């Protein structure tokens, strides 16, 4: 299991750590219009899943913007940002910030993604910061569980992993 801290304090992650080389576990999250999305909806293209604690915080804002900018030059890659924020809050934030290349998905309802990918922070009911890259068949080719939730992920390594599949 990955171990992380949130503002320097250790937190408990619920679920199983996802490993490179394995098949991504199934999950169900919500779109901004409350439609359901599961792993099978993501297959067919290379996928970057950017996981954040809350869209309305500085590092999460910057992470989502960065992947939105990178998406323009990546070609056939889907990029999703998943958080426990309400779908309505995600839609409001994306609209206010011109986010068009990344789709935000909410794990608020039942923390299905958080538990499946081992990023559900039990004490806070938030998701830990992480990045996963999946090939077009849902195989995990890159993972990063950011050890301190307030730090940035390694954007370059995630982008490089996605590009290696194109």
C-alpha atoms as a PDB file:
ATOM      1  CA  UNK A   1       0.000   0.000   0.000  1.00  0.00           C
ATOM      2  CA  UNK A   2       1.248   3.476  -0.811  1.00  0.00           C
ATOM      3  CA  UNK A   3       1.833   5.715   2.194  1.00  0.00           C
ATOM      4  CA  UNK A   4       1.239   9.432   1.961  1.00  0.00           C
ATOM      5  CA  UNK A   5       0.952  12.491   4.124  1.00  0.00           C
ATOM      6  CA  UNK A   6      -1.475  15.384   3.969  1.00  0.00           C
ATOM      7  CA  UNK A   7       0.096  18.650   5.151  1.00  0.00           C
ATOM      8  CA  UNK A   8       2.792  16.580   6.850  1.00  0.00           C
ATOM      9  CA  UNK A   9       0.475  14.233   8.763  1.00  0.00           C
ATOM     10  CA  UNK A  10       0.182  10.561   7.781  1.00  0.00           C
ATOM     11  CA  UNK A  11      -3.221   9.505   6.428  1.00  0.00           C
ATOM     12  CA  UNK A  12      -4.868   6.148   5.774  1.00  0.00           C
ATOM     13  CA  UNK A  13      -5.456   5.115   2.171  1.00  0.00           C
ATOM     14  CA  UNK A  14      -8.343   2.714   1.597  1.00  0.00           C
ATOM     15  CA  UNK A  15      -8.152   0.188  -1.234  1.00  0.00           C
ATOM     16  CA  UNK A  16      -5.386  -1.574  -3.090  1.00  0.00           C
ATOM     17  CA  UNK A  17      -2.369   0.069  -4.648  1.00  0.00           C
ATOM     18  CA  UNK A  18      -2.467  -0.200  -8.438  1.00  0.00           C
ATOM     19  CA  UNK A  19       0.714  -1.621  -9.951  1.00  0.00           C
ATOM     20  CA  UNK A  20       2.335  -1.061 -13.349  1.00  0.00           C
ATOM     21  CA  UNK A  21       1.723  -4.011 -15.641  1.00  0.00           C
ATOM     22  CA  UNK A  22      -1.631  -4.959 -14.160  1.00  0.00           C
ATOM     23  CA  UNK A  23      -5.102  -4.339 -15.491  1.00  0.00           C
ATOM     24  CA  UNK A  24      -6.758  -1.199 -14.132  1.00  0.00           C
ATOM     25  CA  UNK A  25      -9.559  -2.056 -11.703  1.00  0.00           C
ATOM     26  CA  UNK A  26     -13.151  -1.223 -12.567  1.00  0.00           C
ATOM     27  CA  UNK A  27     -14.902   1.738 -10.950  1.00  0.00           C
ATOM     28  CA  UNK A  28     -17.884   4.033 -11.407  1.00  0.00           C
ATOM     29  CA  UNK A  29     -17.698   7.844 -11.217  1.00  0.00           C
ATOM     30  CA  UNK A  30     -20.008  10.656 -12.318  1.00  0.00           C
ATOM     31  CA  UNK A  31     -19.749  13.153 -15.162  1.00  0.00           C
ATOM     32  CA  UNK A  32     -20.628  16.788 -14.568  1.00  0.00           C
ATOM     33  CA  UNK A  33     -24.143  16.005 -15.867  1.00  0.00           C
ATOM     34  CA  UNK A  34     -24.474  13.052 -13.415  1.00  0.00           C
ATOM     35  CA  UNK A  35     -23.967  10.320 -16.026  1.00  0.00           C
ATOM     36  CA  UNK A  36     -21.982   7.280 -14.951  1.00  0.00           C
ATOM     37  CA  UNK A  37     -18.510   6.476 -16.304  1.00  0.00           C
ATOM     38  CA  UNK A  38     -16.684   3.209 -15.682  1.00  0.00           C
ATOM     39  CA  UNK A  39     -13.368   1.733 -16.784  1.00  0.00           C
ATOM     40  CA  UNK A  40     -14.917   0.265 -19.940  1.00  0.00           C
ATOM     41  CA  UNK A  41     -15.821   3.811 -21.050  1.00  0.00           C
ATOM     42  CA  UNK A  42     -12.128   4.782 -20.981  1.00  0.00           C
ATOM     43  CA  UNK A  43     -10.744   1.976 -23.126  1.00  0.00           C
ATOM     44  CA  UNK A  44      -9.905   2.429 -26.786  1.00  0.00           C
ATOM     45  CA  UNK A  45      -7.460   5.300 -26.285  1.00  0.00           C
ATOM     46  CA  UNK A  46      -4.422   5.976 -24.161  1.00  0.00           C
ATOM     47  CA  UNK A  47      -5.725   7.520 -20.920  1.00  0.00           C
ATOM     48  CA  UNK A  48      -4.176   9.768 -18.290  1.00  0.00           C
ATOM     49  CA  UNK A  49      -6.060   9.840 -15.001  1.00  0.00           C
ATOM     50  CA  UNK A  50      -5.075  12.817 -12.881  1.00  0.00           C
ATOM     51  CA  UNK A  51      -6.337  12.415  -9.313  1.00  0.00           C
ATOM     52  CA  UNK A  52      -6.685  15.432  -7.045  1.00  0.00           C
ATOM     53  CA  UNK A  53      -8.045  16.121  -3.541  1.00  0.00           C
ATOM     54  CA  UNK A  54     -10.149  19.191  -4.494  1.00  0.00           C
ATOM     55  CA  UNK A  55     -10.410  21.274  -7.666  1.00  0.00           C
ATOM     56  CA  UNK A  56     -10.690  24.524  -5.669  1.00  0.00           C
ATOM     57  CA  UNK A  57      -7.182  24.390  -4.192  1.00  0.00           C
ATOM     58  CA  UNK A  58      -3.959  25.796  -5.610  1.00  0.00           C
ATOM     59  CA  UNK A  59      -2.025  22.643  -6.506  1.00  0.00           C
ATOM     60  CA  UNK A  60      -5.156  20.844  -7.784  1.00  0.00           C
ATOM     61  CA  UNK A  61      -6.014  23.885  -9.915  1.00  0.00           C
ATOM     62  CA  UNK A  62      -2.466  23.970 -11.322  1.00  0.00           C
ATOM     63  CA  UNK A  63      -2.427  20.195 -11.947  1.00  0.00           C
ATOM     64  CA  UNK A  64      -5.699  20.290 -13.880  1.00  0.00           C
ATOM     65  CA  UNK A  65      -4.582  23.329 -15.896  1.00  0.00           C
ATOM     66  CA  UNK A  66      -1.241  21.687 -16.707  1.00  0.00           C
ATOM     67  CA  UNK A  67      -2.831  18.519 -18.065  1.00  0.00           C
ATOM     68  CA  UNK A  68      -5.368  20.642 -19.960  1.00  0.00           C
ATOM     69  CA  UNK A  69      -2.475  22.499 -21.655  1.00  0.00           C
ATOM     70  CA  UNK A  70      -0.561  19.280 -22.379  1.00  0.00           C
ATOM     71  CA  UNK A  71      -3.647  17.642 -23.909  1.00  0.00           C
ATOM     72  CA  UNK A  72      -3.627  20.012 -26.872  1.00  0.00           C
ATOM     73  CA  UNK A  73      -0.335  18.537 -28.138  1.00  0.00           C
ATOM     74  CA  UNK A  74      -0.796  14.882 -27.206  1.00  0.00           C
ATOM     75  CA  UNK A  75      -3.056  13.653 -29.968  1.00  0.00           C
ATOM     76  CA  UNK A  76      -5.350  10.684 -29.307  1.00  0.00           C
ATOM     77  CA  UNK A  77      -5.074  10.663 -25.497  1.00  0.00           C
ATOM     78  CA  UNK A  78      -7.980  10.998 -23.079  1.00  0.00           C
ATOM     79  CA  UNK A  79      -7.238  12.976 -19.945  1.00  0.00           C
ATOM     80  CA  UNK A  80      -9.524  12.830 -16.930  1.00  0.00           C
ATOM     81  CA  UNK A  81      -9.281  14.618 -13.603  1.00  0.00           C
ATOM     82  CA  UNK A  82     -10.997  12.717 -10.810  1.00  0.00           C
ATOM     83  CA  UNK A  83     -11.777  14.186  -7.395  1.00  0.00           C
ATOM     84  CA  UNK A  84     -14.388  13.837  -4.662  1.00  0.00           C
ATOM     85  CA  UNK A  85     -15.757  17.289  -5.517  1.00  0.00           C
ATOM     86  CA  UNK A  86     -19.422  17.495  -6.433  1.00  0.00           C
ATOM     87  CA  UNK A  87     -20.000  17.313 -10.207  1.00  0.00           C
ATOM     88  CA  UNK A  88     -21.620  20.759 -10.102  1.00  0.00           C
ATOM     89  CA  UNK A  89     -18.526  22.301  -8.493  1.00  0.00           C
ATOM     90  CA  UNK A  90     -16.308  20.662 -11.105  1.00  0.00           C
ATOM     91  CA  UNK A  91     -18.488  22.003 -13.944  1.00  0.00           C
ATOM     92  CA  UNK A  92     -18.492  25.496 -12.451  1.00  0.00           C
ATOM     93  CA  UNK A  93     -14.699  25.496 -12.027  1.00  0.00           C
ATOM     94  CA  UNK A  94     -14.048  24.178 -15.560  1.00  0.00           C
ATOM     95  CA  UNK A  95     -16.398  26.760 -17.078  1.00  0.00           C
ATOM     96  CA  UNK A  96     -14.815  29.610 -15.142  1.00  0.00           C
ATOM     97  CA  UNK A  97     -11.289  28.497 -16.098  1.00  0.00           C
ATOM     98  CA  UNK A  98     -11.692  27.542 -19.760  1.00  0.00           C
ATOM     99  CA  UNK A  99     -10.875  23.859 -19.253  1.00  0.00           C
ATOM    100  CA  UNK A 100     -11.797  22.143 -22.515  1.00  0.00           C
ATOM    101  CA  UNK A 101      -9.244  19.353 -23.031  1.00  0.00           C
ATOM    102  CA  UNK A 102      -9.655  17.533 -19.709  1.00  0.00           C
ATOM    103  CA  UNK A 103     -12.876  15.954 -18.493  1.00  0.00           C
ATOM    104  CA  UNK A 104     -13.564  16.177 -14.767  1.00  0.00           C
ATOM    105  CA  UNK A 105     -15.214  13.212 -13.078  1.00  0.00           C
ATOM    106  CA  UNK A 106     -16.601  12.994  -9.548  1.00  0.00           C
ATOM    107  CA  UNK A 107     -16.039  10.154  -7.086  1.00  0.00           C
ATOM    108  CA  UNK A 108     -18.191  11.895  -4.481  1.00  0.00           C
ATOM    109  CA  UNK A 109     -21.110   9.448  -4.548  1.00  0.00           C
ATOM    110  CA  UNK A 110     -19.462   6.247  -3.327  1.00  0.00           C
ATOM    111  CA  UNK A 111     -15.661   6.596  -3.608  1.00  0.00           C
ATOM    112  CA  UNK A 112     -15.604   3.705  -6.083  1.00  0.00           C
ATOM    113  CA  UNK A 113     -12.526   4.996  -7.918  1.00  0.00           C
ATOM    114  CA  UNK A 114     -10.752   5.916  -4.683  1.00  0.00           C
ATOM    115  CA  UNK A 115     -11.116   2.436  -3.253  1.00  0.00           C
ATOM    116  CA  UNK A 116     -10.362   0.655  -6.547  1.00  0.00           C
ATOM    117  CA  UNK A 117      -7.119   2.621  -7.078  1.00  0.00           C
ATOM    118  CA  UNK A 118      -6.096   2.893  -3.415  1.00  0.00           C
ATOM    119  CA  UNK A 119      -6.337   6.691  -3.217  1.00  0.00           C
ATOM    120  CA  UNK A 120      -9.315   7.155  -0.860  1.00  0.00           C
ATOM    121  CA  UNK A 121      -8.119   9.126   2.187  1.00  0.00           C
ATOM    122  CA  UNK A 122     -10.231   7.686   5.004  1.00  0.00           C
ATOM    123  CA  UNK A 123      -9.784  10.563   7.468  1.00  0.00           C
ATOM    124  CA  UNK A 124     -10.739  13.309   4.986  1.00  0.00           C
ATOM    125  CA  UNK A 125     -13.106  11.622   2.492  1.00  0.00           C
ATOM    126  CA  UNK A 126     -10.906  13.030  -0.258  1.00  0.00           C
ATOM    127  CA  UNK A 127      -8.738  11.401  -2.896  1.00  0.00           C
ATOM    128  CA  UNK A 128      -4.951  11.386  -2.628  1.00  0.00           C
ATOM    129  CA  UNK A 129      -2.970  13.086  -5.385  1.00  0.00           C
ATOM    130  CA  UNK A 130      -1.920  10.537  -7.989  1.00  0.00           C
ATOM    131  CA  UNK A 131      -1.484  10.018 -11.726  1.00  0.00           C
ATOM    132  CA  UNK A 132      -2.192   6.841 -13.683  1.00  0.00           C
ATOM    133  CA  UNK A 133      -1.545   6.179 -17.365  1.00  0.00           C
ATOM    134  CA  UNK A 134      -3.458   3.355 -19.048  1.00  0.00           C
ATOM    135  CA  UNK A 135      -2.965   1.898 -22.494  1.00  0.00           C
ATOM    136  CA  UNK A 136      -5.925   1.553 -24.860  1.00  0.00           C
ATOM    137  CA  UNK A 137      -6.838  -1.812 -23.281  1.00  0.00           C
ATOM    138  CA  UNK A 138      -6.844  -0.533 -19.698  1.00  0.00           C
ATOM    139  CA  UNK A 139      -3.424  -1.919 -18.755  1.00  0.00           C
ATOM    140  CA  UNK A 140      -1.564   0.265 -16.244  1.00  0.00           C
ATOM    141  CA  UNK A 141       1.720   1.517 -17.683  1.00  0.00           C
ATOM    142  CA  UNK A 142       2.497   4.318 -15.212  1.00  0.00           C
ATOM    143  CA  UNK A 143       1.557   5.131 -11.618  1.00  0.00           C
ATOM    144  CA  UNK A 144       2.525   7.888  -9.251  1.00  0.00           C
ATOM    145  CA  UNK A 145       1.148   8.151  -5.746  1.00  0.00           C
ATOM    146  CA  UNK A 146       2.398  11.578  -4.660  1.00  0.00           C
ATOM    147  CA  UNK A 147       3.902  11.074  -1.187  1.00  0.00           C
ATOM    148  CA  UNK A 148       2.771  14.486   0.135  1.00  0.00           C
ATOM    149  CA  UNK A 149      -0.735  15.388  -1.041  1.00  0.00           C
ATOM    150  CA  UNK A 150       0.090  19.088  -1.264  1.00  0.00           C
ATOM    151  CA  UNK A 151       2.977  18.506  -3.719  1.00  0.00           C
ATOM    152  CA  UNK A 152       2.796  18.391  -7.514  1.00  0.00           C
ATOM    153  CA  UNK A 153       3.089  15.108  -9.418  1.00  0.00           C
ATOM    154  CA  UNK A 154       5.831  14.518 -11.967  1.00  0.00           C
ATOM    155  CA  UNK A 155       3.993  15.850 -15.029  1.00  0.00           C
ATOM    156  CA  UNK A 156       6.846  15.104 -17.429  1.00  0.00           C
ATOM    157  CA  UNK A 157       7.028  11.396 -16.547  1.00  0.00           C
ATOM    158  CA  UNK A 158       3.259  10.952 -16.937  1.00  0.00           C
ATOM    159  CA  UNK A 159       3.259  12.728 -20.319  1.00  0.00           C
ATOM    160  CA  UNK A 160       6.302  10.724 -21.432  1.00  0.00           C
ATOM    161  CA  UNK A 161       4.551   7.469 -20.471  1.00  0.00           C
ATOM    162  CA  UNK A 162       1.459   8.435 -22.493  1.00  0.00           C
ATOM    163  CA  UNK A 163       3.557   9.479 -25.505  1.00  0.00           C
ATOM    164  CA  UNK A 164       5.414   6.152 -25.426  1.00  0.00           C
ATOM    165  CA  UNK A 165       2.146   4.435 -26.367  1.00  0.00           C
ATOM    166  CA  UNK A 166       1.360   6.606 -29.384  1.00  0.00           C
END
